[in-house]
């Protein structure tokens, strides 16, 4: 639960940014303590992996630039101390 709570807190740190991302609503425990949930807002649209092949190269490039701008904004938010989840993820890729 601790790892999932840290993940939710990381999303909350992005909540005040003026970018199109899912917004955190709630985090909790349910199912008599056996399950954990994170409730986020839904963004209407289609997955880029399905849309990009249908676009011409100019539109693909424009969307790539926009995605890069959003990532630049996200990366300006100071990261919290590395979570156990992140450490395990990086170690498993070695």
Foldseek 3Di string as FASTA:
>chain_A
DVLVVLVLVLQQLCQVDPDDDWHWDDWDADPVRPDIDTDTDDDDDDDCVVVVVVDDPVVNVVVVVVVVVVVVVSVVRDDDPDDPVNVVVVVVVD
